Each structure stands twice: as structure tokens, then as C-alpha cells.
């Protein structure tokens, strides 16, 4: 069974945004799955899971890799993605020796080579992301003046994953670059053919975007 995760700790997104994401997953994922939202409060119509720690902001993603949380197969989606095509290819089995599938970061900003809007992992193969993370690294608001030993900024969860990758402690593979796109960098002039998921990292967010394909996907 596949578990689809999102996180809405501290109620950072309106409940309806979580339900919109859930509807998109139902529309575009044909295989059996369960949709779960990590949240401190109940969201009507959604299966809620209490967070196992109180890490702020995006740092809460690290807790999904705990051996007590991860399921046999796991897909994580940020709450502000828009799904425009089948998700089934994104959750194909990992290749041999890989521990996680991510996006390559589109932005050149010193905040990680791994982009964590969409993630896929299997079982407890990537527990290092949780087990070796220290809560004192979870700065909020994010800071630009703290670094790990390889010079990687301690800006967010994807920087931590990048650090583990660069130190050869986490084997990362990547989604097909045609399948996962950035709205900011790839979709301003329309939706590229073959796109399955669009990440709205930064601004604008989907509710503020008038593109017809965004409205149709969220309907």
C-alpha cells in the first residue's frame, strides 16, 4: 500500500487547500493508497496524523523518515503543488541502492541541490534523514548564516538531505525532469507537455494564479 503524505503543522494552509490536494491525488493516482496529513488539528474529510515532534515549518518533513512513521511505500507532496498528470510513474520502485527519489533543485541559491516539494521513499531505507537530525538545527525563521561541514547552508530540510547526499550517506535518485516542474521557472508561458506535478515554491501560490490549467487541476 502506498501512503501519500502532506504536512500542515501549525495550520499554515487553510483546510480547504488540503482537501484540494487530496482530490487531485485521488484523480491522478490509480493504485491503492491512503492520503494522510500531518497536522495538530483535525481536518474534516482527511485522515490526520499527529506530528511526532514540534519542529517548526518545513523541518517537520524530517520526521516522516522516522522508523515509527514511514510506511512500506511513501510519496510526499507539499501542500502547494498542483497535480496535472498521472502520479503512478513517480512511485515506481527505487533503483538498486537508492534510498530516496527527489527533484533536483531548480534554483541556484545555495539552499540545497535536492528539492523536497515531491519525495518518494520505501520503508525505513532513509531513516538517517530523521535519526541524525538535531532539533537545534531547525531555525525558524530560516537563517542564512549557519552551515554544515561541507559548506551547505542549514536553511531547510532539503539542505539537510543535500548535505547527507554530498557526504555519501544518502543515496539519492531523481524524478524524470519532464514530470516535476517549477511554476516559477518552467510554467509561466504554459504547462510543458508531460508535466505531472508543478511546485509553487516561493510565490505566487496556486490560489493567486489565474492560469486555466491551474484552476482546472484544483477544481
N, C-alpha and C. Protein backbone atom coordinates (compact mmCIF):
# COMPACT_ATOMS: atom_id res chain seq x y z
N UNK A 1 0.84 -1.20 0.00
CA UNK A 1 0.00 0.00 0.00
C UNK A 1 0.88 1.26 0.00
N UNK A 2 0.52 2.20 -0.81
CA UNK A 2 1.22 3.48 -0.88
C UNK A 2 0.57 4.48 0.06
N UNK A 3 1.38 5.20 0.82
CA UNK A 3 0.88 6.29 1.66
C UNK A 3 1.32 7.61 1.03
N UNK A 4 0.37 8.50 0.81
CA UNK A 4 0.65 9.85 0.31
C UNK A 4 0.59 10.80 1.49
N UNK A 5 1.68 11.50 1.73
CA UNK A 5 1.80 12.39 2.88
C UNK A 5 1.79 13.86 2.45
N UNK A 6 1.22 14.69 3.31
CA UNK A 6 1.49 16.13 3.28
C UNK A 6 1.58 16.60 4.72
N UNK A 7 2.07 17.79 4.94
CA UNK A 7 2.21 18.34 6.29
C UNK A 7 1.52 19.69 6.37
N UNK A 8 0.71 19.86 7.41
CA UNK A 8 0.06 21.15 7.64
C UNK A 8 0.15 21.51 9.12
N UNK A 9 1.37 21.42 9.65
CA UNK A 9 1.57 21.74 11.05
C UNK A 9 1.41 23.24 11.28
N UNK A 10 0.93 23.57 12.47
CA UNK A 10 0.66 24.96 12.85
C UNK A 10 -0.35 25.63 11.92
N UNK A 11 -1.14 24.79 11.22
CA UNK A 11 -2.25 25.28 10.39
C UNK A 11 -1.77 26.34 9.40
N UNK A 12 -0.64 26.07 8.73
CA UNK A 12 -0.08 27.08 7.83
C UNK A 12 -0.87 27.22 6.55
N UNK A 13 -1.66 26.21 6.19
CA UNK A 13 -2.51 26.29 4.99
C UNK A 13 -3.97 26.10 5.41
N UNK A 14 -4.91 26.78 4.77
CA UNK A 14 -6.32 26.56 5.08
C UNK A 14 -6.71 25.11 4.85
N UNK A 15 -7.66 24.62 5.63
CA UNK A 15 -8.09 23.23 5.50
C UNK A 15 -8.50 22.88 4.08
N UNK A 16 -9.14 23.82 3.38
CA UNK A 16 -9.62 23.53 2.03
C UNK A 16 -8.46 23.24 1.08
N UNK A 17 -7.30 23.85 1.32
CA UNK A 17 -6.15 23.56 0.47
C UNK A 17 -5.72 22.10 0.61
N UNK A 18 -5.84 21.53 1.79
CA UNK A 18 -5.51 20.12 1.99
C UNK A 18 -6.52 19.24 1.28
N UNK A 19 -7.78 19.61 1.36
CA UNK A 19 -8.81 18.82 0.66
C UNK A 19 -8.65 18.91 -0.86
N UNK A 20 -8.25 20.09 -1.36
CA UNK A 20 -7.99 20.23 -2.80
C UNK A 20 -6.85 19.32 -3.22
N UNK A 21 -5.78 19.27 -2.43
CA UNK A 21 -4.67 18.38 -2.74
C UNK A 21 -5.12 16.93 -2.73
N UNK A 22 -5.91 16.56 -1.74
CA UNK A 22 -6.39 15.18 -1.66
C UNK A 22 -7.21 14.81 -2.88
N UNK A 23 -8.05 15.72 -3.35
CA UNK A 23 -8.86 15.44 -4.54
C UNK A 23 -7.97 15.26 -5.77
N UNK A 24 -6.94 16.06 -5.88
CA UNK A 24 -6.01 15.92 -7.01
C UNK A 24 -5.32 14.56 -7.00
N UNK A 25 -4.91 14.12 -5.81
CA UNK A 25 -4.27 12.81 -5.69
C UNK A 25 -5.24 11.72 -6.09
N UNK A 26 -6.47 11.80 -5.62
CA UNK A 26 -7.47 10.78 -5.97
C UNK A 26 -7.67 10.71 -7.48
N UNK A 27 -7.61 11.85 -8.13
CA UNK A 27 -7.86 11.92 -9.57
C UNK A 27 -6.70 11.33 -10.38
N UNK A 28 -5.49 11.45 -9.86
CA UNK A 28 -4.32 11.14 -10.68
C UNK A 28 -3.48 9.96 -10.19
N UNK A 29 -3.94 9.28 -9.15
CA UNK A 29 -3.21 8.12 -8.65
C UNK A 29 -4.13 6.91 -8.69
N UNK A 30 -3.85 5.98 -9.59
CA UNK A 30 -4.76 4.87 -9.82
C UNK A 30 -4.55 3.72 -8.85
N UNK A 31 -3.35 3.55 -8.33
CA UNK A 31 -3.09 2.40 -7.46
C UNK A 31 -3.62 2.63 -6.05
N UNK A 32 -3.86 1.56 -5.30
CA UNK A 32 -4.38 1.70 -3.93
C UNK A 32 -3.45 2.56 -3.08
N UNK A 33 -4.05 3.46 -2.32
CA UNK A 33 -3.24 4.35 -1.49
C UNK A 33 -4.10 4.93 -0.37
N UNK A 34 -3.42 5.53 0.60
CA UNK A 34 -4.09 6.29 1.65
C UNK A 34 -3.44 7.67 1.69
N UNK A 35 -4.27 8.69 1.86
CA UNK A 35 -3.79 10.07 1.93
C UNK A 35 -3.80 10.49 3.39
N UNK A 36 -2.65 10.96 3.89
CA UNK A 36 -2.53 11.34 5.29
C UNK A 36 -1.87 12.71 5.41
N UNK A 37 -2.41 13.52 6.30
CA UNK A 37 -1.87 14.85 6.55
C UNK A 37 -1.36 14.93 7.98
N UNK A 38 -0.09 15.29 8.14
CA UNK A 38 0.48 15.51 9.47
C UNK A 38 0.04 16.89 9.94
N UNK A 39 -0.76 16.91 11.00
CA UNK A 39 -1.35 18.17 11.46
C UNK A 39 -1.73 18.04 12.93
N UNK A 40 -1.60 19.15 13.68
CA UNK A 40 -2.01 19.13 15.08
C UNK A 40 -3.52 19.23 15.24
N UNK A 41 -4.21 19.63 14.19
CA UNK A 41 -5.66 19.80 14.32
C UNK A 41 -6.39 18.95 13.29
N UNK A 42 -7.65 18.62 13.57
CA UNK A 42 -8.44 17.77 12.69
C UNK A 42 -8.88 18.56 11.46
N UNK A 43 -8.75 17.92 10.30
CA UNK A 43 -9.22 18.48 9.04
C UNK A 43 -10.34 17.59 8.53
N UNK A 44 -11.54 18.10 8.45
CA UNK A 44 -12.68 17.31 8.01
C UNK A 44 -12.43 16.68 6.65
N UNK A 45 -12.73 15.39 6.55
CA UNK A 45 -12.60 14.69 5.28
C UNK A 45 -11.21 14.19 4.97
N UNK A 46 -10.25 14.37 5.89
CA UNK A 46 -8.87 13.99 5.67
C UNK A 46 -8.40 13.13 6.84
N UNK A 47 -7.60 12.10 6.55
CA UNK A 47 -7.02 11.29 7.61
C UNK A 47 -5.84 12.06 8.21
N UNK A 48 -5.98 12.45 9.48
CA UNK A 48 -4.96 13.27 10.14
C UNK A 48 -4.04 12.42 11.01
N UNK A 49 -2.76 12.79 11.03
CA UNK A 49 -1.75 12.14 11.86
C UNK A 49 -1.06 13.21 12.69
N UNK A 50 -1.00 12.99 13.99
CA UNK A 50 -0.33 13.95 14.87
C UNK A 50 1.19 13.91 14.63
N UNK A 51 1.86 15.06 14.60
CA UNK A 51 3.32 15.07 14.43
C UNK A 51 4.00 14.42 15.63
N UNK A 52 5.15 13.78 15.39
CA UNK A 52 5.86 13.12 16.48
C UNK A 52 6.82 14.07 17.19
N UNK A 53 6.97 15.27 16.67
CA UNK A 53 7.78 16.29 17.36
C UNK A 53 7.22 17.65 16.99
N UNK A 54 7.81 18.69 17.53
CA UNK A 54 7.29 20.05 17.30
C UNK A 54 8.25 20.89 16.47
N UNK A 55 8.99 20.26 15.57
CA UNK A 55 9.89 21.02 14.71
C UNK A 55 9.09 22.03 13.89
N UNK A 56 9.61 23.24 13.73
CA UNK A 56 8.84 24.28 13.06
C UNK A 56 8.94 24.20 11.54
N UNK A 57 7.93 24.76 10.87
CA UNK A 57 7.96 24.95 9.43
C UNK A 57 8.27 23.68 8.66
N UNK A 58 9.07 23.82 7.61
CA UNK A 58 9.36 22.69 6.73
C UNK A 58 10.25 21.64 7.37
N UNK A 59 10.88 21.95 8.52
CA UNK A 59 11.72 20.96 9.19
C UNK A 59 10.92 19.74 9.62
N UNK A 60 9.60 19.88 9.76
CA UNK A 60 8.77 18.75 10.19
C UNK A 60 8.87 17.59 9.20
N UNK A 61 9.24 17.86 7.94
CA UNK A 61 9.36 16.78 6.96
C UNK A 61 10.36 15.72 7.41
N UNK A 62 11.39 16.11 8.16
CA UNK A 62 12.39 15.13 8.58
C UNK A 62 11.76 14.02 9.41
N UNK A 63 10.68 14.32 10.13
CA UNK A 63 10.05 13.32 11.00
C UNK A 63 9.37 12.22 10.21
N UNK A 64 9.02 12.48 8.94
CA UNK A 64 8.37 11.45 8.13
C UNK A 64 9.26 10.24 7.91
N UNK A 65 10.57 10.43 8.08
CA UNK A 65 11.52 9.35 7.82
C UNK A 65 11.84 8.53 9.07
N UNK A 66 11.18 8.84 10.16
CA UNK A 66 11.33 8.04 11.37
C UNK A 66 10.82 6.62 11.11
N UNK A 67 11.48 5.65 11.71
CA UNK A 67 11.03 4.27 11.57
C UNK A 67 9.63 4.05 12.11
N UNK A 68 9.17 4.93 13.02
CA UNK A 68 7.82 4.80 13.58
C UNK A 68 6.76 5.46 12.71
N UNK A 69 7.19 6.17 11.67
CA UNK A 69 6.25 6.91 10.82
C UNK A 69 6.21 6.34 9.41
N UNK A 70 7.35 6.09 8.79
CA UNK A 70 7.40 5.63 7.41
C UNK A 70 6.62 4.34 7.20
N UNK A 71 5.95 4.27 6.08
CA UNK A 71 5.20 3.09 5.68
C UNK A 71 6.00 2.35 4.60
N UNK A 72 5.52 1.21 4.12
CA UNK A 72 6.29 0.47 3.11
C UNK A 72 6.61 1.29 1.86
N UNK A 73 5.66 2.13 1.43
CA UNK A 73 5.90 2.98 0.26
C UNK A 73 5.31 4.35 0.58
N UNK A 74 6.07 5.41 0.28
CA UNK A 74 5.69 6.75 0.72
C UNK A 74 5.92 7.78 -0.37
N UNK A 75 4.91 8.61 -0.61
CA UNK A 75 5.02 9.75 -1.51
C UNK A 75 4.68 11.00 -0.71
N UNK A 76 5.59 11.97 -0.69
CA UNK A 76 5.31 13.24 -0.02
C UNK A 76 5.07 14.32 -1.06
N UNK A 77 4.06 15.16 -0.80
CA UNK A 77 3.75 16.30 -1.66
C UNK A 77 3.59 17.54 -0.79
N UNK A 78 4.26 18.64 -1.16
CA UNK A 78 3.98 19.91 -0.49
C UNK A 78 2.53 20.28 -0.69
N UNK A 79 1.97 21.02 0.25
CA UNK A 79 0.56 21.38 0.16
C UNK A 79 0.26 22.33 -1.00
N UNK A 80 1.29 23.00 -1.54
CA UNK A 80 1.06 23.98 -2.59
C UNK A 80 1.48 23.49 -3.98
N UNK A 81 1.56 22.16 -4.16
CA UNK A 81 1.79 21.67 -5.51
C UNK A 81 0.47 21.58 -6.26
N UNK A 82 0.56 21.55 -7.59
CA UNK A 82 -0.60 21.31 -8.44
C UNK A 82 -0.31 20.07 -9.27
N UNK A 83 -1.24 19.13 -9.27
CA UNK A 83 -1.06 17.85 -9.96
C UNK A 83 -1.77 17.92 -11.31
N UNK A 84 -1.02 17.67 -12.38
CA UNK A 84 -1.56 17.84 -13.73
C UNK A 84 -1.51 16.56 -14.56
N UNK A 85 -1.03 15.46 -13.99
CA UNK A 85 -0.94 14.20 -14.73
C UNK A 85 -0.76 13.03 -13.79
N UNK A 86 -0.66 11.85 -14.34
CA UNK A 86 -0.57 10.63 -13.55
C UNK A 86 0.62 10.65 -12.60
N UNK A 87 0.36 10.20 -11.38
CA UNK A 87 1.41 10.10 -10.37
C UNK A 87 2.05 8.71 -10.34
N UNK A 88 1.49 7.76 -11.07
CA UNK A 88 1.92 6.38 -10.91
C UNK A 88 3.38 6.16 -11.28
N UNK A 89 3.88 6.83 -12.30
CA UNK A 89 5.29 6.67 -12.66
C UNK A 89 6.21 7.25 -11.59
N UNK A 90 5.74 8.23 -10.86
CA UNK A 90 6.58 8.85 -9.84
C UNK A 90 6.84 7.91 -8.67
N UNK A 91 5.98 6.91 -8.50
CA UNK A 91 6.12 6.00 -7.36
C UNK A 91 6.55 4.61 -7.80
N UNK A 92 7.21 4.52 -8.96
CA UNK A 92 7.82 3.26 -9.38
C UNK A 92 8.90 2.87 -8.36
N UNK A 93 9.21 1.57 -8.24
CA UNK A 93 10.23 1.16 -7.27
C UNK A 93 11.55 1.89 -7.47
N UNK A 94 12.21 2.18 -6.37
CA UNK A 94 13.52 2.80 -6.44
C UNK A 94 14.51 1.85 -7.12
N UNK A 95 15.49 2.41 -7.78
CA UNK A 95 16.54 1.59 -8.36
C UNK A 95 17.44 1.05 -7.25
N UNK A 96 18.21 0.04 -7.58
CA UNK A 96 19.04 -0.63 -6.58
C UNK A 96 19.98 0.37 -5.90
N UNK A 97 20.04 0.27 -4.58
CA UNK A 97 20.90 1.08 -3.71
C UNK A 97 20.37 2.48 -3.44
N UNK A 98 19.35 2.94 -4.14
CA UNK A 98 18.79 4.27 -3.86
C UNK A 98 17.93 4.22 -2.60
N UNK A 99 17.95 5.31 -1.85
CA UNK A 99 17.17 5.40 -0.61
C UNK A 99 16.00 6.36 -0.73
N UNK A 100 16.08 7.28 -1.68
CA UNK A 100 15.02 8.27 -1.82
C UNK A 100 15.04 8.82 -3.24
N UNK A 101 13.86 9.23 -3.72
CA UNK A 101 13.76 9.90 -5.03
C UNK A 101 13.28 11.32 -4.78
N UNK A 102 13.98 12.29 -5.37
CA UNK A 102 13.67 13.70 -5.16
C UNK A 102 13.73 14.44 -6.49
N UNK A 103 13.52 15.73 -6.43
CA UNK A 103 13.76 16.61 -7.57
C UNK A 103 15.14 17.25 -7.40
N UNK A 104 15.80 17.52 -8.51
CA UNK A 104 16.98 18.37 -8.47
C UNK A 104 16.51 19.81 -8.27
N UNK A 105 17.17 20.53 -7.38
CA UNK A 105 16.75 21.90 -7.11
C UNK A 105 16.93 22.78 -8.35
N UNK A 106 15.88 23.50 -8.71
CA UNK A 106 15.92 24.35 -9.90
C UNK A 106 16.65 25.66 -9.63
N UNK A 107 16.53 26.16 -8.41
CA UNK A 107 17.10 27.47 -8.08
C UNK A 107 18.57 27.33 -7.70
N UNK A 108 19.37 28.29 -8.08
CA UNK A 108 20.77 28.31 -7.70
C UNK A 108 20.89 29.37 -6.58
N UNK A 109 20.60 28.93 -5.37
CA UNK A 109 20.54 29.89 -4.26
C UNK A 109 21.34 29.43 -3.05
N UNK A 110 22.10 28.35 -3.18
CA UNK A 110 22.89 27.87 -2.05
C UNK A 110 22.07 27.17 -1.00
N UNK A 111 20.82 26.81 -1.35
CA UNK A 111 19.94 26.19 -0.36
C UNK A 111 19.62 24.73 -0.73
N UNK A 112 20.60 24.05 -1.25
CA UNK A 112 20.44 22.62 -1.46
C UNK A 112 20.31 22.23 -2.91
N UNK A 113 20.96 21.13 -3.26
CA UNK A 113 20.82 20.57 -4.60
C UNK A 113 19.61 19.68 -4.71
N UNK A 114 19.06 19.27 -3.56
CA UNK A 114 17.84 18.48 -3.50
C UNK A 114 16.66 19.42 -3.32
N UNK A 115 15.59 19.20 -4.08
CA UNK A 115 14.36 19.99 -3.93
C UNK A 115 13.29 19.06 -3.36
N UNK A 116 12.67 19.44 -2.25
CA UNK A 116 11.85 18.49 -1.49
C UNK A 116 10.35 18.73 -1.60
N UNK A 117 9.89 19.37 -2.67
CA UNK A 117 8.45 19.54 -2.86
C UNK A 117 7.75 18.21 -3.10
N UNK A 118 8.47 17.29 -3.75
CA UNK A 118 7.96 15.95 -4.04
C UNK A 118 9.05 14.95 -3.66
N UNK A 119 8.69 13.93 -2.89
CA UNK A 119 9.65 12.94 -2.42
C UNK A 119 9.02 11.55 -2.48
N UNK A 120 9.81 10.55 -2.80
CA UNK A 120 9.34 9.16 -2.74
C UNK A 120 10.41 8.32 -2.05
N UNK A 121 9.98 7.48 -1.10
CA UNK A 121 10.90 6.56 -0.42
C UNK A 121 10.15 5.30 -0.01
N UNK A 122 10.92 4.28 0.33
CA UNK A 122 10.36 2.98 0.65
C UNK A 122 10.79 2.55 2.05
N UNK A 123 9.82 2.24 2.90
CA UNK A 123 10.11 1.70 4.22
C UNK A 123 11.03 2.59 5.03
N UNK A 124 12.01 1.94 5.67
CA UNK A 124 12.91 2.66 6.57
C UNK A 124 14.28 2.87 5.93
N UNK A 125 14.33 2.86 4.61
CA UNK A 125 15.60 2.99 3.93
C UNK A 125 16.27 4.34 4.06
N UNK A 126 15.50 5.37 4.43
CA UNK A 126 16.06 6.72 4.52
C UNK A 126 15.93 7.28 5.94
N UNK A 127 15.95 6.40 6.94
CA UNK A 127 15.76 6.87 8.32
C UNK A 127 16.86 7.82 8.78
N UNK A 128 18.00 7.82 8.12
CA UNK A 128 19.08 8.73 8.51
C UNK A 128 18.62 10.19 8.48
N UNK A 129 17.67 10.50 7.59
CA UNK A 129 17.17 11.88 7.49
C UNK A 129 16.55 12.32 8.81
N UNK A 130 15.90 11.39 9.50
CA UNK A 130 15.32 11.70 10.81
C UNK A 130 16.30 11.44 11.94
N UNK A 131 16.94 10.28 11.91
CA UNK A 131 17.67 9.81 13.08
C UNK A 131 18.89 10.67 13.41
N UNK A 132 19.51 11.27 12.41
CA UNK A 132 20.72 12.05 12.67
C UNK A 132 20.48 13.56 12.62
N UNK A 133 19.22 13.95 12.53
CA UNK A 133 18.90 15.38 12.54
C UNK A 133 18.81 15.88 13.98
N UNK A 134 19.39 17.05 14.23
CA UNK A 134 19.37 17.64 15.56
C UNK A 134 18.39 18.81 15.60
N UNK A 135 17.56 18.83 16.61
CA UNK A 135 16.50 19.83 16.68
C UNK A 135 17.02 21.26 16.71
N UNK A 136 18.25 21.46 17.22
CA UNK A 136 18.79 22.82 17.27
C UNK A 136 19.11 23.37 15.89
N UNK A 137 19.12 22.52 14.87
CA UNK A 137 19.35 23.00 13.50
C UNK A 137 18.09 23.59 12.89
N UNK A 138 16.95 23.36 13.51
CA UNK A 138 15.66 23.74 12.93
C UNK A 138 15.35 25.22 13.22
N UNK A 139 16.15 26.11 12.65
CA UNK A 139 15.95 27.54 12.86
C UNK A 139 14.64 27.99 12.21
N UNK A 140 13.89 28.82 12.95
CA UNK A 140 12.68 29.41 12.37
C UNK A 140 12.47 30.78 12.97
N UNK A 141 12.42 31.83 12.15
CA UNK A 141 12.52 31.82 10.69
C UNK A 141 13.86 31.26 10.21
N UNK A 142 13.91 30.79 8.95
CA UNK A 142 15.15 30.23 8.42
C UNK A 142 16.29 31.23 8.49
N UNK A 143 17.50 30.70 8.64
CA UNK A 143 18.68 31.55 8.72
C UNK A 143 19.62 31.25 7.56
N UNK A 144 20.38 32.27 7.17
CA UNK A 144 21.32 32.13 6.07
C UNK A 144 22.78 32.09 6.53
N UNK A 145 22.99 32.09 7.85
CA UNK A 145 24.36 32.21 8.36
C UNK A 145 24.85 30.98 9.11
N UNK A 146 24.17 29.84 8.94
CA UNK A 146 24.60 28.60 9.56
C UNK A 146 24.89 27.57 8.47
N UNK A 147 25.96 26.79 8.66
CA UNK A 147 26.40 25.86 7.62
C UNK A 147 26.80 24.53 8.23
N UNK A 148 26.61 23.45 7.45
CA UNK A 148 27.19 22.16 7.81
C UNK A 148 28.64 22.12 7.32
N UNK A 149 29.31 21.03 7.65
CA UNK A 149 30.75 20.95 7.43
C UNK A 149 31.16 21.03 5.96
N UNK A 150 30.25 20.73 5.04
CA UNK A 150 30.59 20.80 3.61
C UNK A 150 30.26 22.16 3.00
N UNK A 151 29.87 23.12 3.82
CA UNK A 151 29.52 24.44 3.33
C UNK A 151 28.08 24.60 2.94
N UNK A 152 27.29 23.54 3.10
CA UNK A 152 25.87 23.60 2.77
C UNK A 152 25.11 24.39 3.83
N UNK A 153 24.30 25.35 3.40
CA UNK A 153 23.53 26.15 4.35
C UNK A 153 22.54 25.28 5.13
N UNK A 154 22.32 25.64 6.39
CA UNK A 154 21.32 24.97 7.22
C UNK A 154 19.98 25.71 7.09
N UNK A 155 19.52 25.87 5.86
CA UNK A 155 18.34 26.69 5.60
C UNK A 155 17.04 25.91 5.73
N UNK A 156 17.07 24.62 5.40
CA UNK A 156 15.83 23.85 5.43
C UNK A 156 16.08 22.37 5.26
N UNK A 157 14.99 21.61 5.26
CA UNK A 157 15.09 20.16 5.18
C UNK A 157 15.81 19.70 3.92
N UNK A 158 15.60 20.39 2.80
CA UNK A 158 16.25 19.95 1.58
C UNK A 158 17.76 20.21 1.62
N UNK A 159 18.19 21.20 2.40
CA UNK A 159 19.62 21.41 2.59
C UNK A 159 20.22 20.26 3.40
N UNK A 160 19.47 19.76 4.38
CA UNK A 160 19.93 18.61 5.17
C UNK A 160 20.06 17.37 4.28
N UNK A 161 19.08 17.13 3.43
CA UNK A 161 19.16 16.00 2.51
C UNK A 161 20.33 16.15 1.55
N UNK A 162 20.56 17.37 1.09
CA UNK A 162 21.69 17.63 0.20
C UNK A 162 23.01 17.35 0.90
N UNK A 163 23.11 17.78 2.15
CA UNK A 163 24.32 17.51 2.93
C UNK A 163 24.57 16.01 3.03
N UNK A 164 23.53 15.24 3.38
CA UNK A 164 23.69 13.79 3.50
C UNK A 164 24.08 13.17 2.16
N UNK A 165 23.50 13.67 1.08
CA UNK A 165 23.87 13.19 -0.25
C UNK A 165 25.34 13.47 -0.55
N UNK A 166 25.76 14.69 -0.31
CA UNK A 166 27.12 15.10 -0.64
C UNK A 166 28.16 14.38 0.21
N UNK A 167 27.76 14.00 1.43
CA UNK A 167 28.68 13.26 2.30
C UNK A 167 28.62 11.76 2.05
N UNK A 168 27.91 11.35 0.98
CA UNK A 168 27.80 9.94 0.58
C UNK A 168 27.11 9.09 1.64
N UNK A 169 26.17 9.71 2.34
CA UNK A 169 25.46 8.99 3.39
C UNK A 169 24.00 8.75 3.02
N UNK A 170 23.55 9.36 1.95
CA UNK A 170 22.19 9.17 1.46
C UNK A 170 22.25 9.02 -0.05
N UNK A 171 21.79 7.88 -0.55
CA UNK A 171 21.80 7.63 -1.99
C UNK A 171 20.51 8.16 -2.60
N UNK A 172 20.65 9.18 -3.42
CA UNK A 172 19.50 9.90 -3.99
C UNK A 172 19.40 9.62 -5.48
N UNK A 173 18.17 9.37 -5.95
CA UNK A 173 17.90 9.37 -7.38
C UNK A 173 16.84 10.44 -7.64
N UNK A 174 16.57 10.72 -8.92
CA UNK A 174 15.76 11.90 -9.24
C UNK A 174 14.57 11.55 -10.14
N UNK A 175 13.50 12.29 -9.92
CA UNK A 175 12.35 12.17 -10.80
C UNK A 175 12.74 12.59 -12.22
N UNK A 176 12.04 12.03 -13.18
CA UNK A 176 12.19 12.49 -14.57
C UNK A 176 11.93 14.00 -14.60
N UNK A 177 12.87 14.75 -15.15
CA UNK A 177 12.74 16.21 -15.15
C UNK A 177 11.55 16.70 -15.97
N UNK A 178 11.00 15.85 -16.85
CA UNK A 178 9.79 16.21 -17.59
C UNK A 178 8.55 16.11 -16.73
N UNK A 179 8.63 15.36 -15.64
CA UNK A 179 7.45 15.06 -14.85
C UNK A 179 7.18 16.07 -13.73
N UNK A 180 8.22 16.61 -13.12
CA UNK A 180 8.05 17.55 -12.00
C UNK A 180 8.69 18.88 -12.38
N UNK A 181 7.89 19.93 -12.37
CA UNK A 181 8.34 21.24 -12.82
C UNK A 181 8.12 22.30 -11.75
N UNK A 182 8.83 23.39 -11.90
CA UNK A 182 8.65 24.58 -11.08
C UNK A 182 7.76 25.57 -11.84
N UNK A 183 6.73 26.07 -11.17
CA UNK A 183 5.90 27.09 -11.82
C UNK A 183 6.75 28.32 -12.14
N UNK A 184 7.56 28.71 -11.20
CA UNK A 184 8.35 29.93 -11.32
C UNK A 184 9.33 29.88 -12.50
N UNK A 185 9.94 28.71 -12.71
CA UNK A 185 11.00 28.60 -13.71
C UNK A 185 10.56 27.97 -15.03
N UNK A 186 9.47 27.19 -15.01
CA UNK A 186 9.15 26.41 -16.20
C UNK A 186 7.76 26.65 -16.79
N UNK A 187 6.84 27.24 -16.03
CA UNK A 187 5.43 27.20 -16.44
C UNK A 187 4.79 28.57 -16.63
N UNK A 188 5.55 29.63 -16.64
CA UNK A 188 4.99 30.97 -16.80
C UNK A 188 4.32 31.15 -18.17
N UNK A 189 4.85 30.42 -19.17
CA UNK A 189 4.31 30.55 -20.53
C UNK A 189 3.38 29.39 -20.88
N UNK A 190 2.97 28.62 -19.88
CA UNK A 190 2.10 27.48 -20.12
C UNK A 190 2.68 26.21 -19.54
N UNK A 191 1.87 25.18 -19.52
CA UNK A 191 2.26 23.92 -18.91
C UNK A 191 3.05 23.07 -19.91
N UNK A 192 4.29 22.72 -19.63
CA UNK A 192 5.08 21.90 -20.55
C UNK A 192 4.45 20.51 -20.72
N UNK A 193 4.50 19.95 -21.93
CA UNK A 193 3.95 18.61 -22.15
C UNK A 193 4.60 17.58 -21.23
N UNK A 194 3.80 16.66 -20.74
CA UNK A 194 4.32 15.58 -19.91
C UNK A 194 4.43 15.90 -18.44
N UNK A 195 4.10 17.13 -18.05
CA UNK A 195 4.22 17.51 -16.64
C UNK A 195 3.19 16.77 -15.79
N UNK A 196 3.63 16.27 -14.65
CA UNK A 196 2.74 15.57 -13.73
C UNK A 196 2.46 16.39 -12.46
N UNK A 197 3.49 17.07 -11.98
CA UNK A 197 3.36 17.87 -10.76
C UNK A 197 4.09 19.20 -10.97
N UNK A 198 3.45 20.29 -10.53
CA UNK A 198 4.08 21.61 -10.58
C UNK A 198 4.26 22.11 -9.15
N UNK A 199 5.48 22.49 -8.81
CA UNK A 199 5.79 23.01 -7.49
C UNK A 199 5.69 24.54 -7.50
N UNK A 200 4.94 25.08 -6.55
CA UNK A 200 4.80 26.52 -6.39
C UNK A 200 5.64 26.98 -5.20
N UNK A 201 6.94 26.68 -5.25
CA UNK A 201 7.85 27.11 -4.20
C UNK A 201 7.95 28.64 -4.24
N UNK A 202 8.03 29.24 -3.07
CA UNK A 202 8.03 30.71 -3.03
C UNK A 202 6.67 31.26 -3.43
N UNK A 203 6.65 32.33 -4.17
CA UNK A 203 5.41 32.95 -4.63
C UNK A 203 5.43 33.10 -6.14
N UNK A 204 4.24 33.10 -6.79
CA UNK A 204 2.90 33.04 -6.21
C UNK A 204 2.51 31.63 -5.80
N UNK A 205 1.42 31.54 -5.02
CA UNK A 205 0.83 30.27 -4.64
C UNK A 205 -0.37 29.99 -5.55
N UNK A 206 -0.78 28.73 -5.66
CA UNK A 206 -1.85 28.37 -6.61
C UNK A 206 -3.13 29.19 -6.52
N UNK A 207 -3.66 29.51 -5.32
CA UNK A 207 -4.91 30.27 -5.30
C UNK A 207 -4.81 31.64 -5.96
N UNK A 208 -3.59 32.18 -6.06
CA UNK A 208 -3.40 33.52 -6.64
C UNK A 208 -3.10 33.48 -8.14
N UNK A 209 -3.06 32.27 -8.71
CA UNK A 209 -2.68 32.13 -10.12
C UNK A 209 -3.93 31.89 -10.97
N UNK A 210 -4.05 32.66 -12.06
CA UNK A 210 -5.24 32.57 -12.89
C UNK A 210 -5.11 31.68 -14.10
N UNK A 211 -3.96 31.01 -14.30
CA UNK A 211 -3.79 30.13 -15.46
C UNK A 211 -4.90 29.08 -15.48
N UNK A 212 -5.46 28.84 -16.67
CA UNK A 212 -6.62 27.96 -16.76
C UNK A 212 -6.28 26.55 -16.30
N UNK A 213 -5.06 26.07 -16.58
CA UNK A 213 -4.70 24.69 -16.20
C UNK A 213 -4.56 24.55 -14.68
N UNK A 214 -4.18 25.62 -14.02
CA UNK A 214 -4.11 25.59 -12.55
C UNK A 214 -5.52 25.51 -11.97
N UNK A 215 -6.42 26.32 -12.47
CA UNK A 215 -7.81 26.30 -11.99
C UNK A 215 -8.47 24.97 -12.26
N UNK A 216 -8.22 24.40 -13.43
CA UNK A 216 -8.82 23.10 -13.76
C UNK A 216 -8.29 22.00 -12.86
N UNK A 217 -6.99 22.02 -12.59
CA UNK A 217 -6.39 20.98 -11.75
C UNK A 217 -6.93 21.04 -10.33
N UNK A 218 -7.22 22.24 -9.83
CA UNK A 218 -7.67 22.41 -8.45
C UNK A 218 -9.18 22.36 -8.29
N UNK A 219 -9.89 22.21 -9.39
CA UNK A 219 -11.37 22.23 -9.31
C UNK A 219 -11.90 21.02 -8.55
